[in-house]
């Protein structure tokens, strides 16, 4: 290929769109690089929705200049940023745009300077930067740019060498983060960044790349596992009437996996417990009947339930406005509030009818429905803040992957004092708002709430989506996992055993109360039964059982 010494504004816009589309095409693969084998690995989705917000802004430009292009990339990604990986990506774009916006064309000198500013900006945005992440890959690429700018003016050669270095650094991320090495994966955020760079480079090489932007992913609510792919979710028990072996178990599991997803098979003596989401319910049932008699059959039409929820949304609009509840993709504006502005108000991220009700009853002004698998964007948080009629607004992210986006929203808000409390879980958020005292100052409340959330331990029970080894625990697909604040605490094929074992790792001499929030797939009677078992095993502690309604996680436990 002939040498290229400069890139025009239209060429750079196309390169950016090509990079965005390349990331979009690989987002599910990037999601699967998630270290924890949980059904909510969403790095690829978050990065994709972030860059697609910017790509939409770029595609809408008419006769762009480098300045307007830079603004579209920076503003679009900042407002569309979701999750830690998405926020860091937006900060990389922000730094890059500061340099490119001052130029008429891109040369190796400009590209090198922009990459230095990109990394500098992103590192400053993260309070405690961790190596072995997207930041490390970005810095490796920027360091290589410094080296190459002294060697060549050819952008093709320059970019090729930069990408090779980024890939090399990415391959070394497992050596920097032991958890990556044990899981056998590279950093997912770093992989996403490489995909963006490679897409832009493919355009530069003249390859056939996609430049159009389809449906705006930035405005779509990320779907929970119950909303996608399959029509039915069924659980049942097979009472075996023939011999059954480990080989038969694997054959059954393989068959079920070919007919659906989220498969769990638990063989215990003469019984096999099965859970699956599928479109081929008849074939699943017929195969099970070949092995024995079916009992405890529970079948839900996921699509019908979801459609009913959507159809009823308009009828609930008034109630939602009163409660201040929105979803993370909502763009609907509330009528202007003419009441006098109060001193302090709250925005909370929450998911599940039960969890939402708790926050509303405790005085939360506005709820952004989101969390795991549904990280709200910076713009979602900013929009919610603006709807709260208060001078000072406390934001409860309630998820470690939302804190950066909340902080970014706070920095963009110009007419209110926004305080982001570092709540990493729903139980921490509940504790924070419980300890709010209206008659005290903002500073006094912040001090007390931040101190109280340190006393909350959170445990969550879900299932593994793949085989792996983490924290020296061997995990098989379909196993139940009890995940604490700092890692996986328990693994087993019995959900209740996992929950109890998880609590044993969390409870200590200072513990006074255990609160159990059961999810949307757990029956009330089963949750109450588990609560009684917890009372027996921890007879000196107070135990509460409440409906949470959260997806993905069967149980969330608060230990205080």
Protein backbone atom coordinates (compact mmCIF):
# COMPACT_ATOMS: atom_id res chain seq x y z
CA UNK A 1 0.00 0.00 0.00
CA UNK A 2 1.24 3.49 -0.78
CA UNK A 3 2.39 5.77 1.99
CA UNK A 4 -0.22 7.99 3.72
CA UNK A 5 1.09 11.11 5.41
CA UNK A 6 -2.14 12.83 6.39
CA UNK A 7 -5.79 12.02 7.12
CA UNK A 8 -8.55 14.51 6.34
CA UNK A 9 -11.51 15.19 8.62
CA UNK A 10 -13.87 13.03 6.52
CA UNK A 11 -11.35 10.18 6.46
CA UNK A 12 -10.91 10.34 10.23
CA UNK A 13 -14.68 10.38 10.73
CA UNK A 14 -14.96 7.23 8.61
CA UNK A 15 -12.08 5.58 10.47
CA UNK A 16 -13.88 6.29 13.75
CA UNK A 17 -17.14 4.81 12.45
CA UNK A 18 -15.27 1.74 11.21
CA UNK A 19 -13.70 1.31 14.65
CA UNK A 20 -17.08 1.64 16.34
CA UNK A 21 -18.67 -0.94 14.06
CA UNK A 22 -15.77 -3.35 14.52
CA UNK A 23 -16.25 -3.17 18.29
CA UNK A 24 -20.00 -3.64 17.86
CA UNK A 25 -19.48 -6.81 15.82
CA UNK A 26 -17.28 -8.32 18.54
CA UNK A 27 -19.10 -7.15 21.68
CA UNK A 28 -20.47 -10.60 22.65
CA UNK A 29 -17.01 -12.14 22.35
CA UNK A 30 -15.64 -9.37 24.57
CA UNK A 31 -18.48 -9.95 27.06
CA UNK A 32 -17.36 -13.57 27.35
CA UNK A 33 -13.90 -12.45 28.49
CA UNK A 34 -15.44 -11.42 31.81
CA UNK A 35 -13.32 -12.89 34.60
CA UNK A 36 -16.25 -14.03 36.73
CA UNK A 37 -18.38 -16.64 34.92
CA UNK A 38 -21.59 -14.81 35.80
CA UNK A 39 -24.49 -14.20 33.38
CA UNK A 40 -23.87 -10.45 33.38
CA UNK A 41 -20.49 -9.99 31.75
CA UNK A 42 -21.12 -6.72 29.95
CA UNK A 43 -17.80 -5.02 29.16
CA UNK A 44 -18.33 -5.41 25.42
CA UNK A 45 -21.89 -4.12 25.65
CA UNK A 46 -20.90 -1.11 27.76
CA UNK A 47 -18.01 -0.14 25.49
CA UNK A 48 -20.17 -0.63 22.41
CA UNK A 49 -23.00 1.54 23.72
CA UNK A 50 -20.48 4.20 24.71
CA UNK A 51 -18.79 4.40 21.30
CA UNK A 52 -22.09 4.08 19.42
CA UNK A 53 -23.39 7.15 21.21
CA UNK A 54 -20.39 9.03 19.79
CA UNK A 55 -20.71 7.33 16.39
CA UNK A 56 -24.32 8.48 16.11
CA UNK A 57 -23.25 12.05 16.84
CA UNK A 58 -20.49 11.76 14.20
CA UNK A 59 -22.83 10.30 11.57
CA UNK A 60 -25.25 13.21 12.03
CA UNK A 61 -22.62 15.85 11.26
CA UNK A 62 -22.99 17.71 7.97
CA UNK A 63 -19.79 19.02 6.41
CA UNK A 64 -17.79 18.52 9.62
CA UNK A 65 -14.62 20.33 10.59
CA UNK A 66 -12.02 18.73 12.79
CA UNK A 67 -13.32 20.88 15.66
CA UNK A 68 -16.96 19.79 15.28
CA UNK A 69 -15.87 16.18 14.77
CA UNK A 70 -13.79 16.28 17.94
CA UNK A 71 -16.74 17.72 19.88
CA UNK A 72 -19.11 15.02 18.57
CA UNK A 73 -16.72 12.23 19.56
CA UNK A 74 -15.98 13.70 22.98
CA UNK A 75 -19.49 14.81 23.97
CA UNK A 76 -21.20 11.77 22.46
CA UNK A 77 -18.97 9.28 24.27
CA UNK A 78 -18.98 11.18 27.58
CA UNK A 79 -22.78 11.28 27.74
CA UNK A 80 -23.22 7.76 26.41
CA UNK A 81 -20.60 6.20 28.69
CA UNK A 82 -21.72 3.10 30.58
CA UNK A 83 -19.78 0.99 33.04
CA UNK A 84 -16.18 1.51 34.09
CA UNK A 85 -14.82 0.35 30.74
CA UNK A 86 -17.16 2.69 28.87
CA UNK A 87 -16.26 5.68 31.05
CA UNK A 88 -12.53 5.05 30.59
CA UNK A 89 -13.05 4.72 26.83
CA UNK A 90 -14.92 8.04 26.81
CA UNK A 91 -12.08 9.69 28.72
CA UNK A 92 -9.58 8.32 26.19
CA UNK A 93 -11.68 9.91 23.44
CA UNK A 94 -12.00 13.12 25.43
CA UNK A 95 -8.24 13.51 25.76
CA UNK A 96 -7.68 12.58 22.13
CA UNK A 97 -10.28 15.11 20.98
CA UNK A 98 -8.62 17.97 22.85
CA UNK A 99 -5.64 17.68 20.50
CA UNK A 100 -7.32 16.71 17.23
CA UNK A 101 -9.86 19.52 17.53
CA UNK A 102 -7.09 22.10 17.13
CA UNK A 103 -5.81 20.66 13.83
CA UNK A 104 -6.99 20.66 10.23
CA UNK A 105 -5.65 17.18 9.43
CA UNK A 106 -4.16 14.18 11.21
CA UNK A 107 -0.45 13.43 10.84
CA UNK A 108 1.82 11.12 12.82
CA UNK A 109 2.81 14.10 15.00
CA UNK A 110 -0.82 14.95 15.75
CA UNK A 111 -1.73 11.31 16.32
CA UNK A 112 1.16 10.86 18.74
CA UNK A 113 0.33 13.99 20.72
CA UNK A 114 -3.35 13.08 20.83
CA UNK A 115 -2.56 9.60 22.16
CA UNK A 116 -0.41 11.06 24.95
CA UNK A 117 -3.23 13.40 25.97
CA UNK A 118 -5.70 10.54 25.69
CA UNK A 119 -3.84 8.39 28.22
CA UNK A 120 -3.14 11.32 30.53
CA UNK A 121 -6.84 12.24 30.65
CA UNK A 122 -8.02 8.67 31.24
CA UNK A 123 -5.56 8.01 34.07
CA UNK A 124 -6.61 11.22 35.82
CA UNK A 125 -10.27 10.17 35.64
CA UNK A 126 -9.65 6.98 37.64
CA UNK A 127 -8.95 7.45 41.33
CA UNK A 128 -6.92 4.27 41.71
CA UNK A 129 -5.72 3.15 38.26
CA UNK A 130 -5.10 -0.58 38.05
CA UNK A 131 -2.53 -2.05 35.69
CA UNK A 132 -3.45 -4.97 33.49
CA UNK A 133 -6.54 -3.14 32.22
CA UNK A 134 -7.62 -1.00 29.26
CA UNK A 135 -5.50 1.80 30.73
CA UNK A 136 -2.35 -0.29 30.44
CA UNK A 137 -3.11 -1.22 26.83
CA UNK A 138 -3.77 2.44 25.96
CA UNK A 139 -0.53 3.54 27.60
CA UNK A 140 1.44 0.84 25.78
CA UNK A 141 0.03 2.07 22.48
CA UNK A 142 0.83 5.69 23.37
CA UNK A 143 4.41 4.80 24.36
CA UNK A 144 4.88 3.06 21.02
CA UNK A 145 3.53 6.17 19.26
CA UNK A 146 6.25 8.24 20.93
CA UNK A 147 8.83 5.83 19.57
CA UNK A 148 7.36 5.63 16.06
CA UNK A 149 6.91 9.39 15.58
CA UNK A 150 10.72 9.65 15.48
CA UNK A 151 10.90 6.90 12.85
CA UNK A 152 8.25 7.57 10.20
CA UNK A 153 5.74 10.01 8.74
CA UNK A 154 3.77 7.15 7.16
CA UNK A 155 0.51 6.74 9.06
CA UNK A 156 -0.01 3.19 7.78
CA UNK A 157 3.32 1.98 9.18
CA UNK A 158 2.86 4.10 12.31
CA UNK A 159 -0.61 2.76 13.15
CA UNK A 160 0.34 -0.84 12.32
CA UNK A 161 3.21 -0.76 14.80
CA UNK A 162 1.05 0.92 17.45
CA UNK A 163 -1.62 -1.77 17.14
CA UNK A 164 0.97 -4.55 17.29
CA UNK A 165 2.27 -3.06 20.53
CA UNK A 166 -1.27 -2.76 21.92
CA UNK A 167 -1.87 -6.44 21.15
CA UNK A 168 1.44 -7.36 22.79
CA UNK A 169 0.58 -5.44 25.95
CA UNK A 170 -2.90 -7.00 25.92
CA UNK A 171 -1.38 -10.47 25.78
CA UNK A 172 0.62 -9.63 28.92
CA UNK A 173 -2.36 -8.45 31.00
CA UNK A 174 -2.82 -11.90 32.60
CA UNK A 175 0.72 -11.53 34.02
CA UNK A 176 -0.26 -8.21 35.60
CA UNK A 177 -3.56 -9.36 37.11
CA UNK A 178 -3.50 -12.86 38.66
CA UNK A 179 -7.28 -13.10 38.42
CA UNK A 180 -7.02 -12.85 34.62
CA UNK A 181 -4.36 -15.55 34.53
CA UNK A 182 -6.34 -17.93 36.69
CA UNK A 183 -9.44 -17.41 34.54
CA UNK A 184 -7.40 -17.86 31.36
CA UNK A 185 -8.49 -14.59 29.71
CA UNK A 186 -6.98 -11.25 28.70
CA UNK A 187 -8.48 -7.98 29.91
CA UNK A 188 -11.82 -7.45 28.20
CA UNK A 189 -11.60 -3.65 28.17
CA UNK A 190 -8.15 -3.77 26.60
CA UNK A 191 -9.46 -6.18 23.98
CA UNK A 192 -12.27 -3.76 23.20
CA UNK A 193 -9.82 -0.93 22.67
CA UNK A 194 -7.75 -3.06 20.28
CA UNK A 195 -10.92 -3.80 18.29
CA UNK A 196 -11.58 -0.06 17.90
CA UNK A 197 -8.02 0.57 16.72
CA UNK A 198 -8.11 -2.36 14.31
CA UNK A 199 -11.40 -1.23 12.78
CA UNK A 200 -10.02 2.24 12.09
CA UNK A 201 -6.84 0.76 10.64
CA UNK A 202 -8.83 -1.51 8.32
CA UNK A 203 -10.49 1.59 6.87
CA UNK A 204 -7.09 3.20 6.42
CA UNK A 205 -5.95 0.13 4.48
CA UNK A 206 -8.92 0.44 2.15
CA UNK A 207 -10.65 -2.72 3.35
CA UNK A 208 -14.40 -3.21 2.99
CA UNK A 209 -15.68 -1.94 6.36
CA UNK A 210 -19.07 -0.89 7.67
CA UNK A 211 -19.46 2.88 7.99
CA UNK A 212 -23.19 3.23 8.57
CA UNK A 213 -24.69 3.36 12.04
CA UNK A 214 -27.84 1.33 12.52
CA UNK A 215 -30.26 1.42 15.41
CA UNK A 216 -28.91 3.63 18.14
CA UNK A 217 -27.69 1.22 20.80
CA UNK A 218 -27.09 4.13 23.15
CA UNK A 219 -30.82 4.64 23.54
CA UNK A 220 -31.70 0.99 24.01
CA UNK A 221 -32.22 -0.47 27.41
CA UNK A 222 -29.78 -3.34 27.88
CA UNK A 223 -31.83 -6.48 28.11
CA UNK A 224 -31.73 -8.84 31.01
CA UNK A 225 -31.26 -12.54 30.28
CA UNK A 226 -35.01 -13.12 30.71
CA UNK A 227 -35.81 -10.72 27.87
CA UNK A 228 -33.64 -12.10 25.10
CA UNK A 229 -33.40 -15.05 22.75
CA UNK A 230 -35.85 -17.52 24.23
CA UNK A 231 -39.60 -17.80 24.66
CA UNK A 232 -39.84 -20.19 27.63
CA UNK A 233 -38.15 -20.64 30.97
CA UNK A 234 -38.87 -23.99 32.57
CA UNK A 235 -37.79 -25.79 35.74
CA UNK A 236 -38.68 -29.40 36.51
CA UNK A 237 -37.51 -32.52 38.32
CA UNK A 238 -37.08 -35.90 36.63
CA UNK A 239 -37.76 -38.92 38.87
CA UNK A 240 -35.53 -41.48 37.14
CA UNK A 241 -36.94 -44.87 36.15
CA UNK A 242 -33.76 -46.20 34.51
CA UNK A 243 -30.05 -46.37 35.18
CA UNK A 244 -28.23 -43.09 34.89
CA UNK A 245 -24.47 -42.41 34.72
CA UNK A 246 -22.07 -39.48 34.52
CA UNK A 247 -21.93 -40.07 30.77
CA UNK A 248 -25.74 -39.88 30.57
CA UNK A 249 -25.65 -36.64 32.56
CA UNK A 250 -23.23 -35.06 30.08
CA UNK A 251 -25.32 -36.29 27.15
CA UNK A 252 -28.46 -34.74 28.66
CA UNK A 253 -26.67 -31.49 29.34
CA UNK A 254 -25.28 -31.35 25.80
CA UNK A 255 -28.73 -32.01 24.35
CA UNK A 256 -30.31 -29.25 26.45
CA UNK A 257 -27.57 -26.79 25.53
CA UNK A 258 -28.32 -27.46 21.87
CA UNK A 259 -31.97 -26.52 22.52
CA UNK A 260 -31.56 -23.38 24.59
CA UNK A 261 -29.48 -21.44 27.09
CA UNK A 262 -28.95 -20.86 30.82
CA UNK A 263 -28.95 -24.63 31.27
CA UNK A 264 -28.57 -26.15 34.73
CA UNK A 265 -28.62 -29.89 35.39
CA UNK A 266 -28.26 -31.20 38.94
CA UNK A 267 -28.23 -35.01 39.31
CA UNK A 268 -28.80 -36.18 42.88
CA UNK A 269 -29.52 -39.86 43.37
CA UNK A 270 -32.80 -40.78 41.70
CA UNK A 271 -33.66 -37.19 40.81
CA UNK A 272 -32.43 -34.72 38.22
CA UNK A 273 -33.27 -31.01 38.61
CA UNK A 274 -33.35 -29.17 35.30
CA UNK A 275 -33.58 -25.48 34.43
CA UNK A 276 -33.47 -24.12 30.87
CA UNK A 277 -34.57 -21.23 28.65
CA UNK A 278 -35.67 -22.46 25.24
CA UNK A 279 -37.81 -22.04 22.16
CA UNK A 280 -38.14 -25.81 21.76
CA UNK A 281 -40.08 -26.66 24.89
CA UNK A 282 -41.72 -29.78 23.42
CA UNK A 283 -38.42 -31.43 22.52
CA UNK A 284 -37.00 -30.63 25.95
CA UNK A 285 -39.99 -32.17 27.73
CA UNK A 286 -40.03 -35.26 25.46
CA UNK A 287 -36.36 -35.92 26.10
CA UNK A 288 -36.90 -35.62 29.85
CA UNK A 289 -39.86 -38.04 29.71
CA UNK A 290 -37.58 -40.67 28.18
CA UNK A 291 -35.68 -40.71 31.48
CA UNK A 292 -38.53 -40.79 33.95
CA UNK A 293 -41.56 -39.04 35.44
CA UNK A 294 -41.64 -35.24 35.62
CA UNK A 295 -42.60 -33.41 38.82
CA UNK A 296 -42.41 -29.84 40.13
CA UNK A 297 -42.90 -28.48 36.62
CA UNK A 298 -42.84 -24.69 36.29
CA UNK A 299 -43.10 -23.06 32.85
CA UNK A 300 -43.03 -19.32 32.16
CA UNK A 301 -43.52 -17.61 28.81
CA UNK A 302 -40.78 -14.99 29.13
CA UNK A 303 -41.69 -13.08 26.00
CA UNK A 304 -45.37 -12.78 26.95
CA UNK A 305 -44.51 -11.53 30.43
CA UNK A 306 -42.09 -8.98 29.00
CA UNK A 307 -44.61 -7.80 26.40
CA UNK A 308 -47.23 -7.35 29.13
CA UNK A 309 -44.76 -5.24 31.07
CA UNK A 310 -44.11 -3.05 28.05
CA UNK A 311 -47.84 -2.68 27.24
CA UNK A 312 -48.67 -1.74 30.80
CA UNK A 313 -45.92 0.87 30.94
CA UNK A 314 -48.15 3.65 29.60
CA UNK A 315 -50.87 2.94 32.16
CA UNK A 316 -48.29 3.11 34.92
CA UNK A 317 -46.82 6.36 33.65
CA UNK A 318 -48.56 8.57 36.18
CA UNK A 319 -47.60 6.31 39.08
CA UNK A 320 -44.03 6.13 37.85
CA UNK A 321 -43.80 9.89 37.67
CA UNK A 322 -45.08 10.19 41.22
CA UNK A 323 -42.51 7.64 42.41
CA UNK A 324 -39.83 9.13 40.20
CA UNK A 325 -38.94 5.82 38.52
CA UNK A 326 -37.36 5.62 35.08
CA UNK A 327 -35.39 3.00 33.18
CA UNK A 328 -31.78 3.47 32.11
CA UNK A 329 -32.79 4.13 28.52
CA UNK A 330 -35.64 6.54 29.21
CA UNK A 331 -35.55 9.93 27.52
CA UNK A 332 -38.98 10.99 28.76
CA UNK A 333 -39.11 14.38 30.43
CA UNK A 334 -41.08 15.03 33.59
CA UNK A 335 -43.22 18.17 33.78
CA UNK A 336 -41.35 21.07 35.30
CA UNK A 337 -41.69 21.05 39.07
CA UNK A 338 -42.97 24.38 40.35
CA UNK A 339 -42.61 23.46 44.03
CA UNK A 340 -39.95 25.34 46.03
CA UNK A 341 -36.52 23.76 45.67
CA UNK A 342 -35.68 21.68 48.71
CA UNK A 343 -32.25 21.47 50.26
CA UNK A 344 -31.38 17.82 49.62
CA UNK A 345 -32.63 15.01 47.41
CA UNK A 346 -31.70 11.49 46.26
CA UNK A 347 -31.18 9.60 43.02
CA UNK A 348 -30.67 5.86 43.28
CA UNK A 349 -29.85 3.14 40.79
CA UNK A 350 -31.97 0.10 41.54
CA UNK A 351 -33.57 -2.90 39.86
CA UNK A 352 -36.54 -5.06 40.80
CA UNK A 353 -39.97 -4.00 42.07
CA UNK A 354 -39.09 -4.87 45.66
CA UNK A 355 -35.81 -2.98 45.67
CA UNK A 356 -37.40 0.02 43.96
CA UNK A 357 -40.19 0.12 46.54
CA UNK A 358 -37.70 0.12 49.40
CA UNK A 359 -35.85 3.14 48.03
CA UNK A 360 -39.10 4.99 47.29
CA UNK A 361 -40.44 4.35 50.80
CA UNK A 362 -37.15 5.59 52.28
CA UNK A 363 -37.56 8.91 50.48
CA UNK A 364 -35.61 8.52 47.27
CA UNK A 365 -36.76 11.18 44.79
CA UNK A 366 -35.78 9.44 41.57
CA UNK A 367 -34.89 5.87 40.66
CA UNK A 368 -32.89 4.86 37.60
CA UNK A 369 -33.80 1.28 36.89
CA UNK A 370 -30.52 -0.48 36.21
CA UNK A 371 -27.59 -2.32 37.72
CA UNK A 372 -26.01 -5.60 36.66
CA UNK A 373 -26.44 -6.09 32.88
CA UNK A 374 -28.14 -2.68 32.79
CA UNK A 375 -25.50 -0.06 33.58
CA UNK A 376 -27.09 3.38 33.09
CA UNK A 377 -25.17 5.90 31.00
CA UNK A 378 -23.68 9.16 32.19
CA UNK A 379 -26.54 10.93 30.43
CA UNK A 380 -29.13 8.75 32.21
CA UNK A 381 -27.68 9.74 35.58
CA UNK A 382 -27.38 13.40 34.60
CA UNK A 383 -30.99 13.46 33.39
CA UNK A 384 -32.18 11.95 36.69
CA UNK A 385 -30.20 14.49 38.72
CA UNK A 386 -31.77 17.35 36.79
CA UNK A 387 -35.25 16.02 37.57
CA UNK A 388 -34.72 16.18 41.32
CA UNK A 389 -36.00 19.48 42.71
CA UNK A 390 -33.17 20.00 45.18
CA UNK A 391 -30.05 22.14 45.55
CA UNK A 392 -27.94 19.19 46.69
CA UNK A 393 -28.46 15.78 45.12
CA UNK A 394 -27.02 12.56 46.53
CA UNK A 395 -26.47 9.83 43.94
CA UNK A 396 -26.41 6.17 45.01
CA UNK A 397 -24.80 4.12 42.17
CA UNK A 398 -25.21 0.86 44.14
CA UNK A 399 -22.82 -0.92 41.79
CA UNK A 400 -19.05 -0.59 41.47
CA UNK A 401 -19.42 -0.52 37.69
CA UNK A 402 -21.65 2.57 37.81
CA UNK A 403 -19.66 4.83 40.17
CA UNK A 404 -17.44 6.27 37.42
CA UNK A 405 -20.44 7.12 35.22
CA UNK A 406 -22.13 8.77 38.21
CA UNK A 407 -19.01 10.83 38.93
CA UNK A 408 -18.85 11.82 35.27
CA UNK A 409 -22.49 12.94 35.42
CA UNK A 410 -21.74 14.97 38.54
CA UNK A 411 -18.91 16.76 36.74
CA UNK A 412 -21.24 17.68 33.88
CA UNK A 413 -24.02 19.03 36.11
CA UNK A 414 -23.82 22.83 36.31
CA UNK A 415 -26.81 23.90 38.39
CA UNK A 416 -26.77 21.55 41.39
CA UNK A 417 -24.29 20.32 43.96
CA UNK A 418 -24.02 16.58 43.24
CA UNK A 419 -22.57 14.16 45.77
CA UNK A 420 -21.86 10.63 44.55
CA UNK A 421 -21.75 8.24 47.49
CA UNK A 422 -19.50 5.24 46.69
CA UNK A 423 -22.17 2.58 47.23
CA UNK A 424 -21.13 -0.61 45.44
CA UNK A 425 -24.22 -2.70 46.19
CA UNK A 426 -27.95 -2.27 46.75
CA UNK A 427 -27.66 -3.09 50.49
CA UNK A 428 -25.05 -0.34 50.85
CA UNK A 429 -27.40 2.08 49.13
CA UNK A 430 -30.26 1.13 51.44
CA UNK A 431 -28.04 1.63 54.49
CA UNK A 432 -26.89 5.01 53.21
CA UNK A 433 -30.38 6.43 52.72
CA UNK A 434 -31.59 4.96 56.04
CA UNK A 435 -28.86 6.96 57.78
CA UNK A 436 -29.76 10.24 56.09
CA UNK A 437 -30.94 12.96 58.54
CA UNK A 438 -32.74 15.86 56.77
CA UNK A 439 -32.05 18.41 59.51
CA UNK A 440 -28.28 17.97 59.32
CA UNK A 441 -25.89 19.51 56.80
CA UNK A 442 -24.72 17.93 53.56
CA UNK A 443 -21.25 17.44 55.04
CA UNK A 444 -22.57 15.76 58.20
CA UNK A 445 -24.78 13.43 56.18
CA UNK A 446 -21.99 12.51 53.77
CA UNK A 447 -19.64 11.71 56.64
CA UNK A 448 -22.19 9.51 58.43
CA UNK A 449 -23.49 7.72 55.33
CA UNK A 450 -19.99 6.94 54.04
CA UNK A 451 -19.05 5.59 57.45
CA UNK A 452 -22.17 3.42 57.73
CA UNK A 453 -21.83 1.79 54.31
CA UNK A 454 -18.44 0.47 55.41
CA UNK A 455 -20.30 -1.74 57.91
CA UNK A 456 -22.35 -3.49 55.22
CA UNK A 457 -21.27 -6.78 53.67
CA UNK A 458 -23.08 -7.97 50.56
CA UNK A 459 -23.41 -11.48 49.16
CA UNK A 460 -25.12 -12.50 45.92
CA UNK A 461 -26.08 -15.90 44.55
CA UNK A 462 -26.16 -16.60 40.82
CA UNK A 463 -25.02 -19.37 38.46
CA UNK A 464 -21.89 -19.97 36.39
CA UNK A 465 -22.10 -19.64 32.62
CA UNK A 466 -18.84 -21.49 31.93
CA UNK A 467 -16.21 -23.74 33.48
CA UNK A 468 -13.32 -21.89 35.10
CA UNK A 469 -11.07 -21.62 38.15
CA UNK A 470 -11.22 -18.50 40.33
CA UNK A 471 -9.80 -17.94 43.81
CA UNK A 472 -8.61 -21.56 43.62
CA UNK A 473 -12.22 -22.70 43.33
CA UNK A 474 -13.10 -25.04 40.48
CA UNK A 475 -16.36 -23.91 38.93
CA UNK A 476 -18.45 -25.85 36.41
CA UNK A 477 -21.07 -24.39 34.11
CA UNK A 478 -24.41 -24.40 35.90
CA UNK A 479 -22.93 -24.36 39.41
CA UNK A 480 -24.38 -21.91 41.89
CA UNK A 481 -21.94 -19.31 43.19
CA UNK A 482 -22.02 -17.13 46.28
CA UNK A 483 -20.17 -13.91 45.49
CA UNK A 484 -19.04 -11.56 48.25
CA UNK A 485 -17.57 -8.07 48.17
CA UNK A 486 -14.09 -9.33 47.37
CA UNK A 487 -14.64 -12.54 45.43
CA UNK A 488 -16.35 -15.91 45.20
CA UNK A 489 -17.11 -17.30 48.65
CA UNK A 490 -18.97 -20.52 47.87
CA UNK A 491 -19.65 -22.89 44.97
CA UNK A 492 -21.99 -25.88 44.85
CA UNK A 493 -24.78 -27.48 42.85
CA UNK A 494 -27.23 -26.80 45.70
CA UNK A 495 -28.42 -23.17 45.79
CA UNK A 496 -29.39 -23.10 49.47
CA UNK A 497 -26.11 -24.70 50.53
CA UNK A 498 -24.21 -22.04 48.57
CA UNK A 499 -26.21 -19.32 50.31
CA UNK A 500 -25.53 -20.72 53.80
CA UNK A 501 -21.84 -21.33 53.06
CA UNK A 502 -21.56 -17.79 51.72
CA UNK A 503 -23.09 -16.37 54.91
CA UNK A 504 -20.65 -18.37 57.05
CA UNK A 505 -17.82 -16.53 55.30
CA UNK A 506 -19.49 -13.16 55.87
CA UNK A 507 -20.85 -13.34 59.43
CA UNK A 508 -18.53 -12.39 62.29
CA UNK A 509 -18.78 -11.36 65.95
CA UNK A 510 -19.97 -7.86 65.02
CA UNK A 511 -22.90 -9.08 62.89
CA UNK A 512 -26.37 -8.26 64.22
CA UNK A 513 -28.76 -8.66 61.28
CA UNK A 514 -29.03 -10.60 58.03
CA UNK A 515 -31.45 -9.37 55.37
CA UNK A 516 -32.33 -11.65 52.46
CA UNK A 517 -33.70 -10.16 49.23
CA UNK A 518 -35.06 -12.79 46.86
CA UNK A 519 -35.05 -12.34 43.09
CA UNK A 520 -37.62 -12.52 40.34
CA UNK A 521 -37.04 -16.23 39.71
CA UNK A 522 -37.44 -17.29 43.37
CA UNK A 523 -40.80 -18.26 44.82
CA UNK A 524 -41.80 -16.60 48.07
CA UNK A 525 -42.28 -19.94 49.84
CA UNK A 526 -38.76 -21.04 48.90
CA UNK A 527 -37.31 -17.76 50.16
CA UNK A 528 -39.20 -18.09 53.46
CA UNK A 529 -37.95 -21.67 53.82
CA UNK A 530 -34.38 -20.51 53.28
CA UNK A 531 -34.91 -17.71 55.81
CA UNK A 532 -35.94 -20.24 58.46
CA UNK A 533 -32.84 -22.30 57.70
CA UNK A 534 -30.71 -19.18 58.16
CA UNK A 535 -32.45 -18.46 61.49
CA UNK A 536 -31.58 -21.98 62.69
CA UNK A 537 -27.97 -21.78 61.60
CA UNK A 538 -27.47 -18.24 62.95
CA UNK A 539 -29.85 -18.33 65.91
CA UNK A 540 -28.33 -15.32 67.69
CA UNK A 541 -28.96 -12.97 64.75
CA UNK A 542 -32.03 -11.16 63.47
CA UNK A 543 -33.08 -12.44 60.03
CA UNK A 544 -35.37 -10.64 57.58
CA UNK A 545 -36.68 -11.90 54.21
CA UNK A 546 -37.89 -9.36 51.66
CA UNK A 547 -38.89 -9.49 47.99
CA UNK A 548 -36.25 -7.81 45.86
CA UNK A 549 -37.46 -8.80 42.41
CA UNK A 550 -33.93 -8.45 40.98
CA UNK A 551 -32.97 -10.41 37.85
CA UNK A 552 -29.85 -12.58 37.42
CA UNK A 553 -29.16 -12.92 41.16
CA UNK A 554 -31.46 -15.37 42.94
CA UNK A 555 -30.60 -13.96 46.36
CA UNK A 556 -28.89 -10.84 47.63
CA UNK A 557 -27.83 -10.89 51.27
CA UNK A 558 -27.05 -7.90 53.46
CA UNK A 559 -24.95 -8.65 56.55
CA UNK A 560 -24.62 -5.83 59.08
